[in-house]
């Protein structure tokens, strides 16, 4: 590999990084808007509209796809290098729990709906904290390059 093509080991390719940020930002923002509109506003608003929840659902599906592509490279290499392991596991766990609770919201019975909603919001907010911690620069053995 030439110096131009060399990237840090575990760093996502540009297309993947941009896709991740676009999808996760849109998914998170639409989820937070719906949470605020549904829980804290007394009258229906744009925050609780079908457009907001549809945006959340579509971007959540794209996030699951990206989670798979990230698993094949970024997660695997990070695991081997033991970089950001605790926050990486935290991201995997919270994303997996959001997927499961999201499925519970859509396909679950009425009896579990309130619990699924609560857990989905909690895991979503925890994910934002864990992701932020995951982005803190790694101060370990030095930067390792792929290639």
Protein backbone atom coordinates (compact mmCIF):
# COMPACT_ATOMS: atom_id res chain seq x y z
CA UNK A 1 0.00 0.00 0.00
CA UNK A 2 1.17 3.49 -0.72
CA UNK A 3 1.29 6.11 2.00
CA UNK A 4 -1.82 7.67 0.49
CA UNK A 5 -3.80 4.44 0.81
CA UNK A 6 -2.56 3.57 4.29
CA UNK A 7 -5.03 4.17 7.08
CA UNK A 8 -4.96 3.56 10.78
CA UNK A 9 -5.87 0.03 11.75
CA UNK A 10 -9.50 -0.16 12.79
CA UNK A 11 -10.40 3.19 11.26
CA UNK A 12 -13.49 2.94 9.10
CA UNK A 13 -13.22 3.69 5.36
CA UNK A 14 -14.47 7.15 4.42
CA UNK A 15 -17.75 5.91 2.86
CA UNK A 16 -18.53 3.91 5.99
CA UNK A 17 -17.66 6.72 8.41
CA UNK A 18 -19.78 9.26 6.51
CA UNK A 19 -22.66 6.80 6.18
CA UNK A 20 -22.46 5.97 9.88
CA UNK A 21 -22.58 9.61 10.95
CA UNK A 22 -25.35 10.55 8.54
CA UNK A 23 -27.54 7.57 9.45
CA UNK A 24 -26.86 7.57 13.20
CA UNK A 25 -27.27 11.35 13.50
CA UNK A 26 -30.59 11.25 11.65
CA UNK A 27 -31.77 8.21 13.59
CA UNK A 28 -30.74 9.68 16.95
CA UNK A 29 -32.17 13.12 16.24
CA UNK A 30 -35.50 11.74 15.03
CA UNK A 31 -35.67 9.42 18.06
CA UNK A 32 -34.94 12.26 20.48
CA UNK A 33 -37.50 14.50 18.74
CA UNK A 34 -40.14 11.80 19.04
CA UNK A 35 -39.23 11.16 22.68
CA UNK A 36 -39.47 14.85 23.57
CA UNK A 37 -42.67 15.36 21.59
CA UNK A 38 -44.35 12.24 22.93
CA UNK A 39 -43.32 12.53 26.58
CA UNK A 40 -42.90 16.21 27.34
CA UNK A 41 -45.29 18.12 25.09
CA UNK A 42 -48.97 18.19 25.99
CA UNK A 43 -50.30 18.79 22.48
CA UNK A 44 -49.44 16.95 19.25
CA UNK A 45 -46.67 18.63 17.28
CA UNK A 46 -44.34 18.06 14.36
CA UNK A 47 -42.13 16.12 16.80
CA UNK A 48 -44.73 13.36 17.07
CA UNK A 49 -45.64 13.33 13.39
CA UNK A 50 -45.61 10.28 11.18
CA UNK A 51 -42.70 11.81 9.23
CA UNK A 52 -40.49 11.86 12.33
CA UNK A 53 -41.21 8.28 13.39
CA UNK A 54 -40.94 7.05 9.78
CA UNK A 55 -37.55 8.78 9.46
CA UNK A 56 -36.52 7.06 12.68
CA UNK A 57 -37.67 3.66 11.46
CA UNK A 58 -36.02 3.92 8.04
CA UNK A 59 -32.72 5.16 9.43
CA UNK A 60 -32.85 2.45 12.12
CA UNK A 61 -33.02 -0.16 9.34
CA UNK A 62 -30.05 1.47 7.63
CA UNK A 63 -28.21 1.55 10.99
CA UNK A 64 -28.67 -2.21 11.34
CA UNK A 65 -27.15 -2.66 7.86
CA UNK A 66 -24.22 -0.39 8.74
CA UNK A 67 -23.76 -2.23 12.03
CA UNK A 68 -23.19 -5.36 9.93
CA UNK A 69 -20.66 -3.68 7.64
CA UNK A 70 -18.84 -2.19 10.63
CA UNK A 71 -18.74 -5.63 12.29
CA UNK A 72 -16.83 -7.07 9.35
CA UNK A 73 -13.95 -4.60 9.61
CA UNK A 74 -13.86 -1.94 12.30
CA UNK A 75 -15.11 -4.11 15.15
CA UNK A 76 -13.05 -7.15 14.18
CA UNK A 77 -9.80 -5.18 13.86
CA UNK A 78 -10.49 -3.18 17.02
CA UNK A 79 -11.06 -6.43 18.90
CA UNK A 80 -7.76 -7.89 17.64
CA UNK A 81 -5.87 -4.70 18.54
CA UNK A 82 -7.72 -4.41 21.87
CA UNK A 83 -8.52 -0.77 21.15
CA UNK A 84 -11.46 0.88 22.92
CA UNK A 85 -12.67 -2.57 23.91
CA UNK A 86 -14.95 -1.54 26.80
CA UNK A 87 -16.74 1.21 24.88
CA UNK A 88 -16.81 -0.95 21.75
CA UNK A 89 -18.56 -3.72 23.67
CA UNK A 90 -20.87 -1.08 25.17
CA UNK A 91 -21.78 0.11 21.67
CA UNK A 92 -22.44 -3.45 20.48
CA UNK A 93 -24.58 -4.23 23.53
CA UNK A 94 -26.64 -1.02 23.45
CA UNK A 95 -27.16 -1.20 19.68
CA UNK A 96 -28.23 -4.84 19.98
CA UNK A 97 -30.65 -3.97 22.80
CA UNK A 98 -32.08 -1.10 20.75
CA UNK A 99 -32.62 -3.48 17.83
CA UNK A 100 -34.38 -5.98 20.09
CA UNK A 101 -36.55 -3.39 21.81
CA UNK A 102 -37.33 -1.80 18.43
CA UNK A 103 -38.52 -5.19 17.21
CA UNK A 104 -40.56 -5.45 20.41
CA UNK A 105 -42.18 -2.10 19.64
CA UNK A 106 -43.13 -3.15 16.16
CA UNK A 107 -43.91 -6.84 16.57
CA UNK A 108 -44.46 -7.26 20.30
CA UNK A 109 -47.76 -7.60 22.10
CA UNK A 110 -49.57 -4.73 23.78
CA UNK A 111 -48.58 -6.17 27.16
CA UNK A 112 -44.89 -5.51 26.57
CA UNK A 113 -45.21 -2.24 24.63
CA UNK A 114 -44.78 0.17 27.56
CA UNK A 115 -41.71 -1.70 28.79
CA UNK A 116 -40.26 -1.88 25.26
CA UNK A 117 -40.75 1.87 24.82
CA UNK A 118 -39.07 2.68 28.13
CA UNK A 119 -36.14 0.34 27.51
CA UNK A 120 -35.69 1.59 23.93
CA UNK A 121 -35.42 5.18 25.15
CA UNK A 122 -33.02 4.23 27.95
CA UNK A 123 -30.78 2.17 25.65
CA UNK A 124 -30.86 4.91 23.02
CA UNK A 125 -29.71 7.56 25.47
CA UNK A 126 -27.07 5.22 26.95
CA UNK A 127 -25.82 4.50 23.42
CA UNK A 128 -25.19 8.22 22.82
CA UNK A 129 -23.09 8.39 26.00
CA UNK A 130 -21.14 5.21 25.19
CA UNK A 131 -20.56 6.32 21.59
CA UNK A 132 -19.23 9.67 22.83
CA UNK A 133 -16.84 7.85 25.17
CA UNK A 134 -15.79 5.57 22.29
CA UNK A 135 -14.72 8.63 20.30
CA UNK A 136 -12.33 9.86 22.99
CA UNK A 137 -8.84 9.43 21.53
CA UNK A 138 -7.15 6.19 22.46
CA UNK A 139 -4.02 6.81 24.55
CA UNK A 140 -2.39 3.43 24.39
CA UNK A 141 0.51 1.80 22.62
CA UNK A 142 0.70 4.26 19.74
CA UNK A 143 -1.03 4.32 16.42
CA UNK A 144 -0.94 1.12 14.45
CA UNK A 145 -1.29 1.26 10.70
CA UNK A 146 -3.07 -1.14 8.43
CA UNK A 147 -1.12 -2.24 5.41
